[in-house]
Amino acid sequence: MNQKTAFLGIFAAVAIILGYVEALVPIPFPVPGIKLGLANLCVLYILAKYSIKEAALISIVRIIVIGYLFGNLFGIIYGLAGAALSLTVMSLLRKYSGLSLIGISVAGGVSHNIGQLIVAACVVENTVVFFYFPFLLVAGVVAGVLIGTLTQELAKRIH
């Protein structure tokens, strides 16, 4: 139990550091909110190693800490909404499909963006934000492939 707690603490810290690095290096996209989601590498790894419960803990800690340090309340709300949908989808796919970590990561990246669009539509009380969906779909797939590939490599190296 102590080893698992320490392992989760390390991964939460790494997720926060990766979020910090990502906040330092803005990616110039014409669509607001597009990021690689490097911290999700930790969440996906923990989901694969343990369960949705531990992955949710890492995700919530990372979103709240990074949100308070580099964002605002809306960033935290968008992050939590995206993470909730993404974790649910990835957990179901992990349990009931034969997808690799890359496929699960792609589904997670796309569903994260969908969750954030739903919250944005509620906040602005307008569905015009769904205009961004095609751009966010492409970004979610690209980021998902990258994070999934990195997570598979990480899983090979950590036992």
C-alpha atoms as a PDB file:
ATOM      1  CA  MET A   1       0.000   0.000   0.000  1.00  0.00           C
ATOM      2  CA  ASN A   2       2.784   2.454   0.883  1.00  0.00           C
ATOM      3  CA  GLN A   3       4.590   1.672  -2.351  1.00  0.00           C
ATOM      4  CA  LYS A   4       1.426   2.338  -4.372  1.00  0.00           C
ATOM      5  CA  THR A   5       0.826   5.633  -2.539  1.00  0.00           C
ATOM      6  CA  ALA A   6       4.400   6.746  -3.214  1.00  0.00           C
ATOM      7  CA  PHE A   7       4.087   5.715  -6.873  1.00  0.00           C
ATOM      8  CA  LEU A   8       0.855   7.717  -7.253  1.00  0.00           C
ATOM      9  CA  GLY A   9       2.471  10.719  -5.558  1.00  0.00           C
ATOM     10  CA  ILE A  10       5.402  10.587  -7.944  1.00  0.00           C
ATOM     11  CA  PHE A  11       3.106  10.394 -10.954  1.00  0.00           C
ATOM     12  CA  ALA A  12       0.957  13.265  -9.648  1.00  0.00           C
ATOM     13  CA  ALA A  13       4.121  15.360  -9.268  1.00  0.00           C
ATOM     14  CA  VAL A  14       5.333  14.441 -12.756  1.00  0.00           C
ATOM     15  CA  ALA A  15       1.901  15.304 -14.193  1.00  0.00           C
ATOM     16  CA  ILE A  16       2.057  18.716 -12.510  1.00  0.00           C
ATOM     17  CA  ILE A  17       5.589  19.310 -13.825  1.00  0.00           C
ATOM     18  CA  LEU A  18       4.537  18.331 -17.351  1.00  0.00           C
ATOM     19  CA  GLY A  19       1.571  20.703 -17.065  1.00  0.00           C
ATOM     20  CA  TYR A  20       3.947  23.447 -15.954  1.00  0.00           C
ATOM     21  CA  VAL A  21       6.279  22.811 -18.894  1.00  0.00           C
ATOM     22  CA  GLU A  22       3.320  22.885 -21.252  1.00  0.00           C
ATOM     23  CA  ALA A  23       2.125  26.187 -19.751  1.00  0.00           C
ATOM     24  CA  LEU A  24       5.595  27.689 -20.333  1.00  0.00           C
ATOM     25  CA  VAL A  25       5.651  26.735 -24.012  1.00  0.00           C
ATOM     26  CA  PRO A  26       2.481  28.033 -25.657  1.00  0.00           C
ATOM     27  CA  ILE A  27       1.603  26.363 -28.928  1.00  0.00           C
ATOM     28  CA  PRO A  28       0.433  28.949 -31.476  1.00  0.00           C
ATOM     29  CA  PHE A  29      -2.810  27.497 -32.815  1.00  0.00           C
ATOM     30  CA  PRO A  30      -5.596  29.641 -34.259  1.00  0.00           C
ATOM     31  CA  VAL A  31      -8.117  27.646 -32.199  1.00  0.00           C
ATOM     32  CA  PRO A  32      -8.118  28.463 -28.467  1.00  0.00           C
ATOM     33  CA  GLY A  33      -7.374  25.767 -25.934  1.00  0.00           C
ATOM     34  CA  ILE A  34      -5.435  23.296 -28.069  1.00  0.00           C
ATOM     35  CA  LYS A  35      -2.624  21.623 -26.115  1.00  0.00           C
ATOM     36  CA  LEU A  36      -0.728  18.370 -26.369  1.00  0.00           C
ATOM     37  CA  GLY A  37      -1.826  17.328 -22.896  1.00  0.00           C
ATOM     38  CA  LEU A  38       1.550  15.975 -21.817  1.00  0.00           C
ATOM     39  CA  ALA A  39       0.305  15.481 -18.254  1.00  0.00           C
ATOM     40  CA  ASN A  40      -2.219  12.968 -19.592  1.00  0.00           C
ATOM     41  CA  LEU A  41       0.680  10.595 -20.168  1.00  0.00           C
ATOM     42  CA  CYS A  42       0.732  10.065 -16.391  1.00  0.00           C
ATOM     43  CA  VAL A  43      -3.041   9.648 -16.189  1.00  0.00           C
ATOM     44  CA  LEU A  44      -3.118   7.094 -19.010  1.00  0.00           C
ATOM     45  CA  TYR A  45      -0.247   5.136 -17.502  1.00  0.00           C
ATOM     46  CA  ILE A  46      -1.942   5.012 -14.093  1.00  0.00           C
ATOM     47  CA  LEU A  47      -5.229   3.974 -15.748  1.00  0.00           C
ATOM     48  CA  ALA A  48      -3.422   1.109 -17.482  1.00  0.00           C
ATOM     49  CA  LYS A  49      -1.510   0.056 -14.354  1.00  0.00           C
ATOM     50  CA  TYR A  50      -4.270   0.441 -11.748  1.00  0.00           C
ATOM     51  CA  SER A  51      -7.857   1.592 -12.334  1.00  0.00           C
ATOM     52  CA  ILE A  52     -10.063   4.577 -13.062  1.00  0.00           C
ATOM     53  CA  LYS A  53     -10.099   5.453  -9.352  1.00  0.00           C
ATOM     54  CA  GLU A  54      -6.339   6.071  -9.183  1.00  0.00           C
ATOM     55  CA  ALA A  55      -6.262   7.721 -12.618  1.00  0.00           C
ATOM     56  CA  ALA A  56      -9.083  10.074 -11.563  1.00  0.00           C
ATOM     57  CA  LEU A  57      -7.151  11.009  -8.424  1.00  0.00           C
ATOM     58  CA  ILE A  58      -4.040  11.892 -10.456  1.00  0.00           C
ATOM     59  CA  SER A  59      -6.160  13.789 -12.975  1.00  0.00           C
ATOM     60  CA  ILE A  60      -8.060  15.810 -10.366  1.00  0.00           C
ATOM     61  CA  VAL A  61      -4.899  16.725  -8.454  1.00  0.00           C
ATOM     62  CA  ARG A  62      -3.139  17.767 -11.643  1.00  0.00           C
ATOM     63  CA  ILE A  63      -6.046  19.846 -12.941  1.00  0.00           C
ATOM     64  CA  ILE A  64      -6.595  21.691  -9.676  1.00  0.00           C
ATOM     65  CA  VAL A  65      -2.909  22.416  -9.024  1.00  0.00           C
ATOM     66  CA  ILE A  66      -2.139  23.453 -12.597  1.00  0.00           C
ATOM     67  CA  GLY A  67      -5.383  25.460 -12.736  1.00  0.00           C
ATOM     68  CA  TYR A  68      -4.557  27.417  -9.604  1.00  0.00           C
ATOM     69  CA  LEU A  69      -0.963  27.999 -10.636  1.00  0.00           C
ATOM     70  CA  PHE A  70      -1.408  28.859 -14.317  1.00  0.00           C
ATOM     71  CA  GLY A  71      -5.096  29.285 -15.033  1.00  0.00           C
ATOM     72  CA  ASN A  72      -8.372  30.258 -13.466  1.00  0.00           C
ATOM     73  CA  LEU A  73     -11.606  28.742 -12.221  1.00  0.00           C
ATOM     74  CA  PHE A  74     -12.989  28.303 -15.730  1.00  0.00           C
ATOM     75  CA  GLY A  75      -9.836  26.450 -16.767  1.00  0.00           C
ATOM     76  CA  ILE A  76     -10.331  24.101 -13.831  1.00  0.00           C
ATOM     77  CA  ILE A  77     -13.994  23.562 -14.730  1.00  0.00           C
ATOM     78  CA  TYR A  78     -13.175  22.879 -18.381  1.00  0.00           C
ATOM     79  CA  GLY A  79     -10.347  20.567 -17.366  1.00  0.00           C
ATOM     80  CA  LEU A  80     -12.490  18.599 -14.923  1.00  0.00           C
ATOM     81  CA  ALA A  81     -15.297  18.215 -17.462  1.00  0.00           C
ATOM     82  CA  GLY A  82     -12.930  17.034 -20.169  1.00  0.00           C
ATOM     83  CA  ALA A  83     -11.155  14.690 -17.781  1.00  0.00           C
ATOM     84  CA  ALA A  84     -14.406  13.183 -16.483  1.00  0.00           C
ATOM     85  CA  LEU A  85     -15.630  12.298 -19.973  1.00  0.00           C
ATOM     86  CA  SER A  86     -12.184  11.239 -21.149  1.00  0.00           C
ATOM     87  CA  LEU A  87     -11.528   8.973 -18.166  1.00  0.00           C
ATOM     88  CA  THR A  88     -14.958   7.384 -18.483  1.00  0.00           C
ATOM     89  CA  VAL A  89     -14.435   6.633 -22.180  1.00  0.00           C
ATOM     90  CA  MET A  90     -10.871   5.392 -21.716  1.00  0.00           C
ATOM     91  CA  SER A  91     -11.834   3.195 -18.766  1.00  0.00           C
ATOM     92  CA  LEU A  92     -14.702   1.598 -20.691  1.00  0.00           C
ATOM     93  CA  LEU A  93     -12.496   1.001 -23.727  1.00  0.00           C
ATOM     94  CA  ARG A  94      -9.727  -0.447 -21.574  1.00  0.00           C
ATOM     95  CA  LYS A  95     -12.175  -2.838 -19.955  1.00  0.00           C
ATOM     96  CA  TYR A  96     -14.332  -3.847 -22.940  1.00  0.00           C
ATOM     97  CA  SER A  97     -12.281  -3.390 -26.101  1.00  0.00           C
ATOM     98  CA  GLY A  98      -9.097  -4.769 -27.497  1.00  0.00           C
ATOM     99  CA  LEU A  99      -7.695  -1.345 -28.281  1.00  0.00           C
ATOM    100  CA  SER A 100      -4.058  -0.565 -27.628  1.00  0.00           C
ATOM    101  CA  LEU A 101      -3.023   2.301 -25.371  1.00  0.00           C
ATOM    102  CA  ILE A 102      -2.698   4.427 -28.505  1.00  0.00           C
ATOM    103  CA  GLY A 103      -6.327   3.774 -29.522  1.00  0.00           C
ATOM    104  CA  ILE A 104      -7.524   4.368 -25.979  1.00  0.00           C
ATOM    105  CA  SER A 105      -5.501   7.585 -25.818  1.00  0.00           C
ATOM    106  CA  VAL A 106      -6.976   8.854 -29.110  1.00  0.00           C
ATOM    107  CA  ALA A 107     -10.500   8.199 -27.815  1.00  0.00           C
ATOM    108  CA  GLY A 108      -9.543   9.962 -24.588  1.00  0.00           C
ATOM    109  CA  GLY A 109      -8.133  12.994 -26.392  1.00  0.00           C
ATOM    110  CA  VAL A 110     -11.203  13.389 -28.591  1.00  0.00           C
ATOM    111  CA  SER A 111     -13.663  12.843 -25.725  1.00  0.00           C
ATOM    112  CA  HIS A 112     -11.738  15.329 -23.552  1.00  0.00           C
ATOM    113  CA  ASN A 113     -12.285  17.976 -26.220  1.00  0.00           C
ATOM    114  CA  ILE A 114     -15.969  17.049 -26.529  1.00  0.00           C
ATOM    115  CA  GLY A 115     -16.419  17.400 -22.762  1.00  0.00           C
ATOM    116  CA  GLN A 116     -14.848  20.844 -22.840  1.00  0.00           C
ATOM    117  CA  LEU A 117     -17.016  21.914 -25.796  1.00  0.00           C
ATOM    118  CA  ILE A 118     -20.159  20.851 -23.930  1.00  0.00           C
ATOM    119  CA  VAL A 119     -19.167  22.963 -20.919  1.00  0.00           C
ATOM    120  CA  ALA A 120     -18.257  25.890 -23.177  1.00  0.00           C
ATOM    121  CA  ALA A 121     -21.661  25.690 -24.883  1.00  0.00           C
ATOM    122  CA  CYS A 122     -23.335  25.768 -21.467  1.00  0.00           C
ATOM    123  CA  VAL A 123     -21.215  28.707 -20.269  1.00  0.00           C
ATOM    124  CA  VAL A 124     -21.821  30.878 -23.328  1.00  0.00           C
ATOM    125  CA  GLU A 125     -25.375  29.536 -23.756  1.00  0.00           C
ATOM    126  CA  ASN A 126     -24.771  29.023 -27.453  1.00  0.00           C
ATOM    127  CA  THR A 127     -23.888  26.024 -29.590  1.00  0.00           C
ATOM    128  CA  VAL A 128     -21.723  28.093 -31.937  1.00  0.00           C
ATOM    129  CA  VAL A 129     -18.669  26.768 -30.049  1.00  0.00           C
ATOM    130  CA  PHE A 130     -19.191  23.437 -31.801  1.00  0.00           C
ATOM    131  CA  PHE A 131     -17.761  25.175 -34.877  1.00  0.00           C
ATOM    132  CA  TYR A 132     -14.397  24.333 -33.284  1.00  0.00           C
ATOM    133  CA  PHE A 133     -15.158  20.605 -33.196  1.00  0.00           C
ATOM    134  CA  PRO A 134     -13.404  19.623 -36.475  1.00  0.00           C
ATOM    135  CA  PHE A 135     -10.226  21.387 -35.344  1.00  0.00           C
ATOM    136  CA  LEU A 136     -10.418  19.876 -31.877  1.00  0.00           C
ATOM    137  CA  LEU A 137     -11.107  16.440 -33.375  1.00  0.00           C
ATOM    138  CA  VAL A 138      -7.871  16.587 -35.369  1.00  0.00           C
ATOM    139  CA  ALA A 139      -5.974  17.942 -32.352  1.00  0.00           C
ATOM    140  CA  GLY A 140      -7.394  15.208 -30.125  1.00  0.00           C
ATOM    141  CA  VAL A 141      -6.355  12.481 -32.559  1.00  0.00           C
ATOM    142  CA  VAL A 142      -2.828  13.873 -33.007  1.00  0.00           C
ATOM    143  CA  ALA A 143      -2.316  14.432 -29.283  1.00  0.00           C
ATOM    144  CA  GLY A 144      -3.858  11.038 -28.518  1.00  0.00           C
ATOM    145  CA  VAL A 145      -1.465   9.225 -30.845  1.00  0.00           C
ATOM    146  CA  LEU A 146       1.511  11.056 -29.348  1.00  0.00           C
ATOM    147  CA  ILE A 147       0.487  10.518 -25.711  1.00  0.00           C
ATOM    148  CA  GLY A 148      -0.522   6.905 -26.364  1.00  0.00           C
ATOM    149  CA  THR A 149       2.795   6.148 -28.049  1.00  0.00           C
ATOM    150  CA  LEU A 150       4.769   7.757 -25.230  1.00  0.00           C
ATOM    151  CA  THR A 151       2.699   5.886 -22.636  1.00  0.00           C
ATOM    152  CA  GLN A 152       3.335   2.540 -24.353  1.00  0.00           C
ATOM    153  CA  GLU A 153       7.057   3.266 -24.314  1.00  0.00           C
ATOM    154  CA  LEU A 154       6.884   4.305 -20.652  1.00  0.00           C
ATOM    155  CA  ALA A 155       5.017   1.105 -19.771  1.00  0.00           C
ATOM    156  CA  LYS A 156       7.772  -0.967 -21.395  1.00  0.00           C
ATOM    157  CA  ARG A 157      10.395   0.700 -19.250  1.00  0.00           C
ATOM    158  CA  ILE A 158       8.611   0.791 -15.881  1.00  0.00           C
ATOM    159  CA  HIS A 159       7.703  -2.536 -14.331  1.00  0.00           C
END
